[in-house]
Amino acid sequence: MYKHFEDPKPGYVADWSELPDRQKETDADIFEAIQDSLA
């Protein structure tokens, strides 16, 4: 991330445990949608 963005938003580089629950849910939904589309 730092290679392409000098000062990325904290949420873009935060550890999973540091993300708010709503962000974890959104990320998981996106991952599942991508996974389902490849099945």
C-alpha atoms as a PDB file:
ATOM      1  CA  MET A   1       0.000   0.000   0.000  1.00  0.00           C
ATOM      2  CA  TYR A   2       2.752   2.434   0.949  1.00  0.00           C
ATOM      3  CA  LYS A   3       4.442   1.813  -2.391  1.00  0.00           C
ATOM      4  CA  HIS A   4       1.503   3.403  -4.213  1.00  0.00           C
ATOM      5  CA  PHE A   5       0.127   5.828  -1.602  1.00  0.00           C
ATOM      6  CA  GLU A   6       2.326   8.135   0.420  1.00  0.00           C
ATOM      7  CA  ASP A   7      -0.215   8.586   3.214  1.00  0.00           C
ATOM      8  CA  PRO A   8      -2.976   5.925   2.982  1.00  0.00           C
ATOM      9  CA  LYS A   9      -6.082   6.138   5.135  1.00  0.00           C
ATOM     10  CA  PRO A  10      -5.629   4.286   8.439  1.00  0.00           C
ATOM     11  CA  GLY A  11      -8.400   1.828   7.574  1.00  0.00           C
ATOM     12  CA  TYR A  12      -6.501   0.739   4.471  1.00  0.00           C
ATOM     13  CA  VAL A  13      -3.471  -0.396   6.435  1.00  0.00           C
ATOM     14  CA  ALA A  14      -4.978  -1.388   9.797  1.00  0.00           C
ATOM     15  CA  ASP A  15      -4.749  -4.932  11.111  1.00  0.00           C
ATOM     16  CA  TRP A  16      -7.995  -6.911  10.961  1.00  0.00           C
ATOM     17  CA  SER A  17      -8.337  -6.767  14.759  1.00  0.00           C
ATOM     18  CA  GLU A  18      -8.186  -2.963  14.651  1.00  0.00           C
ATOM     19  CA  LEU A  19     -11.003  -2.540  12.123  1.00  0.00           C
ATOM     20  CA  PRO A  20     -14.491  -1.614  13.328  1.00  0.00           C
ATOM     21  CA  ASP A  21     -17.073  -4.399  13.121  1.00  0.00           C
ATOM     22  CA  ARG A  22     -18.965  -2.685  10.290  1.00  0.00           C
ATOM     23  CA  GLN A  23     -15.796  -2.619   8.184  1.00  0.00           C
ATOM     24  CA  LYS A  24     -15.050  -6.269   8.916  1.00  0.00           C
ATOM     25  CA  GLU A  25     -18.583  -7.205   7.831  1.00  0.00           C
ATOM     26  CA  THR A  26     -18.273  -5.185   4.629  1.00  0.00           C
ATOM     27  CA  ASP A  27     -14.885  -6.685   3.789  1.00  0.00           C
ATOM     28  CA  ALA A  28     -16.163 -10.205   4.479  1.00  0.00           C
ATOM     29  CA  ASP A  29     -19.196  -9.607   2.240  1.00  0.00           C
ATOM     30  CA  ILE A  30     -16.960  -8.387  -0.584  1.00  0.00           C
ATOM     31  CA  PHE A  31     -14.644 -11.388  -0.201  1.00  0.00           C
ATOM     32  CA  GLU A  32     -17.600 -13.803  -0.230  1.00  0.00           C
ATOM     33  CA  ALA A  33     -19.069 -12.175  -3.354  1.00  0.00           C
ATOM     34  CA  ILE A  34     -15.745 -12.506  -5.176  1.00  0.00           C
ATOM     35  CA  GLN A  35     -15.333 -16.088  -3.981  1.00  0.00           C
ATOM     36  CA  ASP A  36     -18.864 -16.991  -5.122  1.00  0.00           C
ATOM     37  CA  SER A  37     -18.320 -15.417  -8.539  1.00  0.00           C
ATOM     38  CA  LEU A  38     -15.267 -17.614  -9.097  1.00  0.00           C
ATOM     39  CA  ALA A  39     -16.955 -20.854  -8.062  1.00  0.00           C
END
